[in-house]
Amino acid sequence: MLEFQKVVFQYDSEDFNIINGLSFQIEKGEFVSVIGPSGCGKSTIFRLVGQLLTRKAGEILVGGERIDGRRGYCGYMPQRDLLFPWRTVRDNLCLPMEVRGDVSRAEMDRRAEETLAHVGLSGWGDKRPDELSGGMRQRAAFARTLLTGSELLLLDEPFSALDFLTRITMQEWLLGQWENDHKTVLFITHDVEEAIFLSGRVLVVEETPICRLASFEVPAPYPRTRACLTEPRMLALRERLIGMLRREVAV
């Protein structure tokens, strides 16, 4: 579904490539998390996929085709929900379809209501974002991402600003959504436990510049409950990943 082929990128303000010859791939239907220290370049990977940044070299493919000049091949959900406060929740969800410009207003409203029901927000379409709790706003933002119609979803620390109980509730909710829909998800997080609970595979940024991503299979089958986090193999993986991140920060 997603492939990087020797991708190189450098910010104008820096004198080195923050991404230098990076290659990796994500298979269709996978849920993969990316972890690494703050500022190491994780979000840069997402911005390159979304063509918010322009690579210096290499190729990025989605569905086997180059992304250059394409639209609508991925949905991107940033850390903040970024719902427009002057729009109703329904109108926020309609935004991706408005941008595409190929869907009637009646069809946009129908799809928005259907998706609100899908994420447990039936009856909230006429509310403004400031009338929703933090978890509800994140669900609305996820619904808007789904309405891009894309099979590839990029989720950039979507739960980092939530309190602990809301965060674990949202993790369980997101996992249920993925188990039903099997979209391809690439998920950035600083939380190792969140990564191994959600993912089938975890990619670790081992160094900056990013030349490679170390890949670890998560040894727990789906469907999952939080009880899997106490299993010996999961505990061992968590400690190994934490140890890797500690070494990176120390360097």
C-alpha atoms as a PDB file:
ATOM      1  CA  MET A   1       0.000   0.000   0.000  1.00  0.00           C
ATOM      2  CA  LEU A   2       2.852   2.397   0.864  1.00  0.00           C
ATOM      3  CA  GLU A   3       6.487   2.162  -0.210  1.00  0.00           C
ATOM      4  CA  PHE A   4       9.497   4.430   0.278  1.00  0.00           C
ATOM      5  CA  GLN A   5      12.373   3.814  -2.145  1.00  0.00           C
ATOM      6  CA  LYS A   6      15.648   5.467  -1.038  1.00  0.00           C
ATOM      7  CA  VAL A   7      13.886   8.716  -0.090  1.00  0.00           C
ATOM      8  CA  VAL A   8      16.021  11.759   0.802  1.00  0.00           C
ATOM      9  CA  PHE A   9      14.777  14.992   2.395  1.00  0.00           C
ATOM     10  CA  GLN A  10      16.433  18.088   3.862  1.00  0.00           C
ATOM     11  CA  TYR A  11      14.840  21.131   5.522  1.00  0.00           C
ATOM     12  CA  ASP A  12      16.037  24.483   4.173  1.00  0.00           C
ATOM     13  CA  SER A  13      17.082  25.541   7.683  1.00  0.00           C
ATOM     14  CA  GLU A  14      19.390  22.533   8.130  1.00  0.00           C
ATOM     15  CA  ASP A  15      22.692  21.538   6.564  1.00  0.00           C
ATOM     16  CA  PHE A  16      22.057  17.793   6.608  1.00  0.00           C
ATOM     17  CA  ASN A  17      19.455  15.344   5.284  1.00  0.00           C
ATOM     18  CA  ILE A  18      17.012  14.483   8.067  1.00  0.00           C
ATOM     19  CA  ILE A  19      15.900  11.542   5.906  1.00  0.00           C
ATOM     20  CA  ASN A  20      18.730   9.940   3.978  1.00  0.00           C
ATOM     21  CA  GLY A  21      18.051   7.011   1.652  1.00  0.00           C
ATOM     22  CA  LEU A  22      15.068   5.644   3.588  1.00  0.00           C
ATOM     23  CA  SER A  23      13.308   2.549   2.249  1.00  0.00           C
ATOM     24  CA  PHE A  24      10.394   0.670   3.844  1.00  0.00           C
ATOM     25  CA  GLN A  25       6.966  -0.637   2.923  1.00  0.00           C
ATOM     26  CA  ILE A  26       3.540  -1.067   4.509  1.00  0.00           C
ATOM     27  CA  GLU A  27       1.253  -3.828   3.258  1.00  0.00           C
ATOM     28  CA  LYS A  28      -2.447  -3.332   2.526  1.00  0.00           C
ATOM     29  CA  GLY A  29      -4.562  -3.666   5.674  1.00  0.00           C
ATOM     30  CA  GLU A  30      -1.650  -3.404   8.122  1.00  0.00           C
ATOM     31  CA  PHE A  31      -1.734  -1.319  11.297  1.00  0.00           C
ATOM     32  CA  VAL A  32       1.841  -0.096  11.767  1.00  0.00           C
ATOM     33  CA  SER A  33       3.159   2.327  14.395  1.00  0.00           C
ATOM     34  CA  VAL A  34       6.273   4.489  14.133  1.00  0.00           C
ATOM     35  CA  ILE A  35       8.099   5.408  17.356  1.00  0.00           C
ATOM     36  CA  GLY A  36      11.194   7.489  18.039  1.00  0.00           C
ATOM     37  CA  PRO A  37      12.430  10.480  20.077  1.00  0.00           C
ATOM     38  CA  SER A  38      10.879  13.934  19.660  1.00  0.00           C
ATOM     39  CA  GLY A  39      12.260  15.807  16.662  1.00  0.00           C
ATOM     40  CA  CYS A  40      13.751  12.754  14.992  1.00  0.00           C
ATOM     41  CA  GLY A  41      11.694  13.146  11.786  1.00  0.00           C
ATOM     42  CA  LYS A  42       8.653  10.882  12.294  1.00  0.00           C
ATOM     43  CA  SER A  43       6.123  13.536  11.244  1.00  0.00           C
ATOM     44  CA  THR A  44       8.348  14.469   8.291  1.00  0.00           C
ATOM     45  CA  ILE A  45       7.629  11.015   6.872  1.00  0.00           C
ATOM     46  CA  PHE A  46       3.900  11.784   6.978  1.00  0.00           C
ATOM     47  CA  ARG A  47       4.343  15.194   5.376  1.00  0.00           C
ATOM     48  CA  LEU A  48       6.316  13.626   2.542  1.00  0.00           C
ATOM     49  CA  VAL A  49       3.567  11.047   1.957  1.00  0.00           C
ATOM     50  CA  GLY A  50       0.964  13.831   1.861  1.00  0.00           C
ATOM     51  CA  GLN A  51       3.129  15.984  -0.463  1.00  0.00           C
ATOM     52  CA  LEU A  52       3.217  18.755   2.134  1.00  0.00           C
ATOM     53  CA  LEU A  53       7.006  18.550   1.702  1.00  0.00           C
ATOM     54  CA  THR A  54       9.025  17.821  -1.430  1.00  0.00           C
ATOM     55  CA  ARG A  55      11.677  15.101  -1.291  1.00  0.00           C
ATOM     56  CA  LYS A  56      15.147  15.648  -2.732  1.00  0.00           C
ATOM     57  CA  ALA A  57      15.473  12.150  -4.130  1.00  0.00           C
ATOM     58  CA  GLY A  58      13.877   8.720  -4.169  1.00  0.00           C
ATOM     59  CA  GLU A  59      10.323   7.583  -4.832  1.00  0.00           C
ATOM     60  CA  ILE A  60       7.156   7.261  -2.740  1.00  0.00           C
ATOM     61  CA  LEU A  61       4.500   4.887  -4.017  1.00  0.00           C
ATOM     62  CA  VAL A  62       0.933   4.319  -2.819  1.00  0.00           C
ATOM     63  CA  GLY A  63      -0.889   1.341  -4.282  1.00  0.00           C
ATOM     64  CA  GLY A  64       2.111   0.738  -6.525  1.00  0.00           C
ATOM     65  CA  GLU A  65       1.900   4.165  -8.181  1.00  0.00           C
ATOM     66  CA  ARG A  66       4.021   7.297  -7.646  1.00  0.00           C
ATOM     67  CA  ILE A  67       2.274   9.920  -5.538  1.00  0.00           C
ATOM     68  CA  ASP A  68       3.484  12.884  -7.604  1.00  0.00           C
ATOM     69  CA  GLY A  69       0.551  14.975  -8.794  1.00  0.00           C
ATOM     70  CA  ARG A  70      -2.042  12.623  -7.279  1.00  0.00           C
ATOM     71  CA  ARG A  71      -4.812  13.529  -4.845  1.00  0.00           C
ATOM     72  CA  GLY A  72      -7.031  11.551  -2.505  1.00  0.00           C
ATOM     73  CA  TYR A  73      -4.708   8.593  -1.988  1.00  0.00           C
ATOM     74  CA  CYS A  74      -4.337   9.104   1.793  1.00  0.00           C
ATOM     75  CA  GLY A  75      -6.169  10.602   4.748  1.00  0.00           C
ATOM     76  CA  TYR A  76      -4.151  12.552   7.325  1.00  0.00           C
ATOM     77  CA  MET A  77      -5.174  13.134  10.956  1.00  0.00           C
ATOM     78  CA  PRO A  78      -2.775  15.406  12.887  1.00  0.00           C
ATOM     79  CA  GLN A  79      -2.209  15.636  16.656  1.00  0.00           C
ATOM     80  CA  ARG A  80      -4.914  18.288  17.118  1.00  0.00           C
ATOM     81  CA  ASP A  81      -8.388  17.639  15.746  1.00  0.00           C
ATOM     82  CA  LEU A  82      -8.355  20.952  13.751  1.00  0.00           C
ATOM     83  CA  LEU A  83     -12.150  21.021  13.505  1.00  0.00           C
ATOM     84  CA  PHE A  84     -13.320  24.426  12.278  1.00  0.00           C
ATOM     85  CA  PRO A  85     -15.158  26.018  15.242  1.00  0.00           C
ATOM     86  CA  TRP A  86     -17.590  27.960  13.028  1.00  0.00           C
ATOM     87  CA  ARG A  87     -18.783  24.816  11.256  1.00  0.00           C
ATOM     88  CA  THR A  88     -21.116  22.198  12.652  1.00  0.00           C
ATOM     89  CA  VAL A  89     -19.694  18.734  13.204  1.00  0.00           C
ATOM     90  CA  ARG A  90     -21.525  17.548  10.075  1.00  0.00           C
ATOM     91  CA  ASP A  91     -20.107  20.380   7.983  1.00  0.00           C
ATOM     92  CA  ASN A  92     -16.605  19.610   9.271  1.00  0.00           C
ATOM     93  CA  LEU A  93     -17.023  16.032   8.083  1.00  0.00           C
ATOM     94  CA  CYS A  94     -18.181  17.226   4.665  1.00  0.00           C
ATOM     95  CA  LEU A  95     -14.998  19.221   4.072  1.00  0.00           C
ATOM     96  CA  PRO A  96     -12.977  16.472   2.268  1.00  0.00           C
ATOM     97  CA  MET A  97     -15.897  15.892  -0.090  1.00  0.00           C
ATOM     98  CA  GLU A  98     -16.269  19.626  -0.715  1.00  0.00           C
ATOM     99  CA  VAL A  99     -12.595  19.819  -1.643  1.00  0.00           C
ATOM    100  CA  ARG A 100     -13.016  16.950  -4.123  1.00  0.00           C
ATOM    101  CA  GLY A 101     -16.026  18.735  -5.602  1.00  0.00           C
ATOM    102  CA  ASP A 102     -17.614  15.614  -7.075  1.00  0.00           C
ATOM    103  CA  VAL A 103     -20.328  14.902  -4.465  1.00  0.00           C
ATOM    104  CA  SER A 104     -23.772  16.528  -4.230  1.00  0.00           C
ATOM    105  CA  ARG A 105     -24.789  18.280  -1.009  1.00  0.00           C
ATOM    106  CA  ALA A 106     -27.468  15.684  -0.287  1.00  0.00           C
ATOM    107  CA  GLU A 107     -24.955  12.866  -0.741  1.00  0.00           C
ATOM    108  CA  MET A 108     -22.398  14.657   1.449  1.00  0.00           C
ATOM    109  CA  ASP A 109     -24.952  14.955   4.247  1.00  0.00           C
ATOM    110  CA  ARG A 110     -25.937  11.308   3.876  1.00  0.00           C
ATOM    111  CA  ARG A 111     -22.339  10.092   4.033  1.00  0.00           C
ATOM    112  CA  ALA A 112     -21.580  12.379   6.979  1.00  0.00           C
ATOM    113  CA  GLU A 113     -24.549  11.085   8.980  1.00  0.00           C
ATOM    114  CA  GLU A 114     -23.634   7.498   8.143  1.00  0.00           C
ATOM    115  CA  THR A 115     -20.047   8.027   9.250  1.00  0.00           C
ATOM    116  CA  LEU A 116     -21.090   9.800  12.451  1.00  0.00           C
ATOM    117  CA  ALA A 117     -23.141   6.726  13.316  1.00  0.00           C
ATOM    118  CA  HIS A 118     -20.136   4.546  12.438  1.00  0.00           C
ATOM    119  CA  VAL A 119     -17.970   6.351  15.027  1.00  0.00           C
ATOM    120  CA  GLY A 120     -20.686   6.549  17.695  1.00  0.00           C
ATOM    121  CA  LEU A 121     -21.713  10.188  17.201  1.00  0.00           C
ATOM    122  CA  SER A 122     -25.272   9.839  15.912  1.00  0.00           C
ATOM    123  CA  GLY A 123     -27.288  12.942  16.743  1.00  0.00           C
ATOM    124  CA  TRP A 124     -24.232  15.186  17.154  1.00  0.00           C
ATOM    125  CA  GLY A 125     -24.027  16.460  13.583  1.00  0.00           C
ATOM    126  CA  ASP A 126     -25.665  19.823  14.330  1.00  0.00           C
ATOM    127  CA  LYS A 127     -23.389  20.573  17.307  1.00  0.00           C
ATOM    128  CA  ARG A 128     -20.362  22.850  17.181  1.00  0.00           C
ATOM    129  CA  PRO A 129     -16.951  21.363  18.013  1.00  0.00           C
ATOM    130  CA  ASP A 130     -16.748  23.238  21.341  1.00  0.00           C
ATOM    131  CA  GLU A 131     -19.843  21.342  22.499  1.00  0.00           C
ATOM    132  CA  LEU A 132     -17.996  18.000  22.249  1.00  0.00           C
ATOM    133  CA  SER A 133     -15.630  16.381  24.726  1.00  0.00           C
ATOM    134  CA  GLY A 134     -11.997  15.774  23.754  1.00  0.00           C
ATOM    135  CA  GLY A 135     -12.632  12.138  22.892  1.00  0.00           C
ATOM    136  CA  MET A 136     -15.705  13.020  20.831  1.00  0.00           C
ATOM    137  CA  ARG A 137     -13.744  15.653  18.911  1.00  0.00           C
ATOM    138  CA  GLN A 138     -11.079  13.065  18.075  1.00  0.00           C
ATOM    139  CA  ARG A 139     -13.741  10.650  16.870  1.00  0.00           C
ATOM    140  CA  ALA A 140     -15.204  13.419  14.701  1.00  0.00           C
ATOM    141  CA  ALA A 141     -11.732  14.158  13.310  1.00  0.00           C
ATOM    142  CA  PHE A 142     -11.248  10.459  12.563  1.00  0.00           C
ATOM    143  CA  ALA A 143     -14.637  10.382  10.834  1.00  0.00           C
ATOM    144  CA  ARG A 144     -13.550  13.321   8.668  1.00  0.00           C
ATOM    145  CA  THR A 145     -10.365  11.396   7.800  1.00  0.00           C
ATOM    146  CA  LEU A 146     -12.457   8.373   6.787  1.00  0.00           C
ATOM    147  CA  LEU A 147     -14.510  10.583   4.467  1.00  0.00           C
ATOM    148  CA  THR A 148     -11.464  11.303   2.361  1.00  0.00           C
ATOM    149  CA  GLY A 149     -12.341   7.874   0.944  1.00  0.00           C
ATOM    150  CA  SER A 150      -8.714   6.788   1.224  1.00  0.00           C
ATOM    151  CA  GLU A 151      -7.548   3.281   2.056  1.00  0.00           C
ATOM    152  CA  LEU A 152      -4.325   4.658   3.587  1.00  0.00           C
ATOM    153  CA  LEU A 153      -4.740   6.592   6.856  1.00  0.00           C
ATOM    154  CA  LEU A 154      -1.901   8.570   8.475  1.00  0.00           C
ATOM    155  CA  LEU A 155      -2.580   9.207  12.168  1.00  0.00           C
ATOM    156  CA  ASP A 156      -0.038  11.527  13.802  1.00  0.00           C
ATOM    157  CA  GLU A 157      -0.221  11.166  17.621  1.00  0.00           C
ATOM    158  CA  PRO A 158      -4.013  11.638  17.578  1.00  0.00           C
ATOM    159  CA  PHE A 159      -4.468  10.868  21.287  1.00  0.00           C
ATOM    160  CA  SER A 160      -1.450  12.634  22.788  1.00  0.00           C
ATOM    161  CA  ALA A 161      -3.448  15.596  24.161  1.00  0.00           C
ATOM    162  CA  LEU A 162      -6.100  13.459  25.875  1.00  0.00           C
ATOM    163  CA  ASP A 163      -6.182  12.501  29.544  1.00  0.00           C
ATOM    164  CA  PHE A 164      -5.149   8.957  30.470  1.00  0.00           C
ATOM    165  CA  LEU A 165      -8.603   7.347  30.731  1.00  0.00           C
ATOM    166  CA  THR A 166      -9.889   9.037  27.570  1.00  0.00           C
ATOM    167  CA  ARG A 167      -6.713   8.020  25.741  1.00  0.00           C
ATOM    168  CA  ILE A 168      -6.989   4.315  26.548  1.00  0.00           C
ATOM    169  CA  THR A 169     -10.706   4.403  25.712  1.00  0.00           C
ATOM    170  CA  MET A 170      -9.882   5.965  22.340  1.00  0.00           C
ATOM    171  CA  GLN A 171      -7.164   3.365  21.714  1.00  0.00           C
ATOM    172  CA  GLU A 172      -9.695   0.580  22.244  1.00  0.00           C
ATOM    173  CA  TRP A 173     -12.221   2.395  20.069  1.00  0.00           C
ATOM    174  CA  LEU A 174      -9.714   2.908  17.233  1.00  0.00           C
ATOM    175  CA  LEU A 175      -8.649  -0.731  17.350  1.00  0.00           C
ATOM    176  CA  GLY A 176     -12.301  -1.763  17.021  1.00  0.00           C
ATOM    177  CA  GLN A 177     -12.723   0.537  14.019  1.00  0.00           C
ATOM    178  CA  TRP A 178      -9.656  -0.932  12.336  1.00  0.00           C
ATOM    179  CA  GLU A 179     -10.713  -4.522  13.058  1.00  0.00           C
ATOM    180  CA  ASN A 180     -14.022  -3.766  11.305  1.00  0.00           C
ATOM    181  CA  ASP A 181     -12.708  -1.747   8.342  1.00  0.00           C
ATOM    182  CA  HIS A 182      -9.115  -3.015   7.860  1.00  0.00           C
ATOM    183  CA  LYS A 183      -7.908   0.249   6.394  1.00  0.00           C
ATOM    184  CA  THR A 184      -4.134   0.549   6.125  1.00  0.00           C
ATOM    185  CA  VAL A 185      -3.009   2.641   9.111  1.00  0.00           C
ATOM    186  CA  LEU A 186       0.365   4.268   9.756  1.00  0.00           C
ATOM    187  CA  PHE A 187       0.332   5.621  13.318  1.00  0.00           C
ATOM    188  CA  ILE A 188       2.882   7.892  14.999  1.00  0.00           C
ATOM    189  CA  THR A 189       3.179   7.796  18.795  1.00  0.00           C
ATOM    190  CA  HIS A 190       5.662   8.434  21.612  1.00  0.00           C
ATOM    191  CA  ASP A 191       3.869   5.847  23.771  1.00  0.00           C
ATOM    192  CA  VAL A 192       5.473   2.401  23.419  1.00  0.00           C
ATOM    193  CA  GLU A 193       2.562   0.659  25.127  1.00  0.00           C
ATOM    194  CA  GLU A 194       0.097   2.373  22.787  1.00  0.00           C
ATOM    195  CA  ALA A 195       2.171   1.238  19.803  1.00  0.00           C
ATOM    196  CA  ILE A 196       2.271  -2.428  20.783  1.00  0.00           C
ATOM    197  CA  PHE A 197      -1.384  -2.521  21.838  1.00  0.00           C
ATOM    198  CA  LEU A 198      -2.627  -1.186  18.510  1.00  0.00           C
ATOM    199  CA  SER A 199      -0.133  -2.451  15.965  1.00  0.00           C
ATOM    200  CA  GLY A 200       0.686  -5.595  14.112  1.00  0.00           C
ATOM    201  CA  ARG A 201       4.156  -4.166  13.568  1.00  0.00           C
ATOM    202  CA  VAL A 202       6.228  -1.371  15.121  1.00  0.00           C
ATOM    203  CA  LEU A 203       8.842   0.627  13.214  1.00  0.00           C
ATOM    204  CA  VAL A 204      11.561   2.292  15.286  1.00  0.00           C
ATOM    205  CA  VAL A 205      13.594   5.327  14.242  1.00  0.00           C
ATOM    206  CA  GLU A 206      17.074   4.187  15.245  1.00  0.00           C
ATOM    207  CA  GLU A 207      19.059   7.259  14.289  1.00  0.00           C
ATOM    208  CA  THR A 208      18.943  10.740  12.805  1.00  0.00           C
ATOM    209  CA  PRO A 209      19.325  11.205   9.873  1.00  0.00           C
ATOM    210  CA  ILE A 210      16.765   8.451   9.302  1.00  0.00           C
ATOM    211  CA  CYS A 211      18.413   5.863   7.081  1.00  0.00           C
ATOM    212  CA  ARG A 212      16.326   2.866   8.131  1.00  0.00           C
ATOM    213  CA  LEU A 213      13.444   1.841  10.358  1.00  0.00           C
ATOM    214  CA  ALA A 214      13.899  -1.231  12.550  1.00  0.00           C
ATOM    215  CA  SER A 215      10.801  -3.452  12.275  1.00  0.00           C
ATOM    216  CA  PHE A 216       9.322  -5.538  15.110  1.00  0.00           C
ATOM    217  CA  GLU A 217       6.348  -7.882  14.823  1.00  0.00           C
ATOM    218  CA  VAL A 218       3.932  -7.603  17.753  1.00  0.00           C
ATOM    219  CA  PRO A 219       3.408 -11.102  19.252  1.00  0.00           C
ATOM    220  CA  ALA A 220      -0.332 -10.839  19.962  1.00  0.00           C
ATOM    221  CA  PRO A 221      -3.181 -11.890  17.669  1.00  0.00           C
ATOM    222  CA  TYR A 222      -6.243  -9.807  16.866  1.00  0.00           C
ATOM    223  CA  PRO A 223      -8.814  -9.197  18.260  1.00  0.00           C
ATOM    224  CA  ARG A 224      -7.076  -7.827  21.351  1.00  0.00           C
ATOM    225  CA  THR A 225      -7.924  -6.638  24.823  1.00  0.00           C
ATOM    226  CA  ARG A 226      -5.636  -4.741  27.172  1.00  0.00           C
ATOM    227  CA  ALA A 227      -4.947  -8.011  28.974  1.00  0.00           C
ATOM    228  CA  CYS A 228      -2.511  -8.905  26.173  1.00  0.00           C
ATOM    229  CA  LEU A 229      -0.160  -6.193  27.440  1.00  0.00           C
ATOM    230  CA  THR A 230       0.691  -8.331  30.492  1.00  0.00           C
ATOM    231  CA  GLU A 231       1.777 -11.357  28.459  1.00  0.00           C
ATOM    232  CA  PRO A 232       5.512 -12.148  28.807  1.00  0.00           C
ATOM    233  CA  ARG A 233       6.322 -11.702  25.105  1.00  0.00           C
ATOM    234  CA  MET A 234       4.549  -8.330  25.019  1.00  0.00           C
ATOM    235  CA  LEU A 235       6.361  -7.180  28.161  1.00  0.00           C
ATOM    236  CA  ALA A 236       9.667  -8.263  26.655  1.00  0.00           C
ATOM    237  CA  LEU A 237       8.950  -6.321  23.445  1.00  0.00           C
ATOM    238  CA  ARG A 238       7.950  -3.233  25.418  1.00  0.00           C
ATOM    239  CA  GLU A 239      11.191  -3.304  27.409  1.00  0.00           C
ATOM    240  CA  ARG A 240      13.255  -3.841  24.261  1.00  0.00           C
ATOM    241  CA  LEU A 241      11.648  -0.863  22.515  1.00  0.00           C
ATOM    242  CA  ILE A 242      11.996   1.365  25.574  1.00  0.00           C
ATOM    243  CA  GLY A 243      15.660   0.375  25.784  1.00  0.00           C
ATOM    244  CA  MET A 244      16.195   1.354  22.146  1.00  0.00           C
ATOM    245  CA  LEU A 245      14.572   4.758  22.674  1.00  0.00           C
ATOM    246  CA  ARG A 246      16.650   5.395  25.796  1.00  0.00           C
ATOM    247  CA  ARG A 247      19.858   4.709  23.873  1.00  0.00           C
ATOM    248  CA  GLU A 248      18.771   7.142  21.143  1.00  0.00           C
ATOM    249  CA  VAL A 249      18.021   9.914  23.636  1.00  0.00           C
ATOM    250  CA  ALA A 250      21.338   9.312  25.408  1.00  0.00           C
ATOM    251  CA  VAL A 251      23.210   9.674  22.123  1.00  0.00           C
END
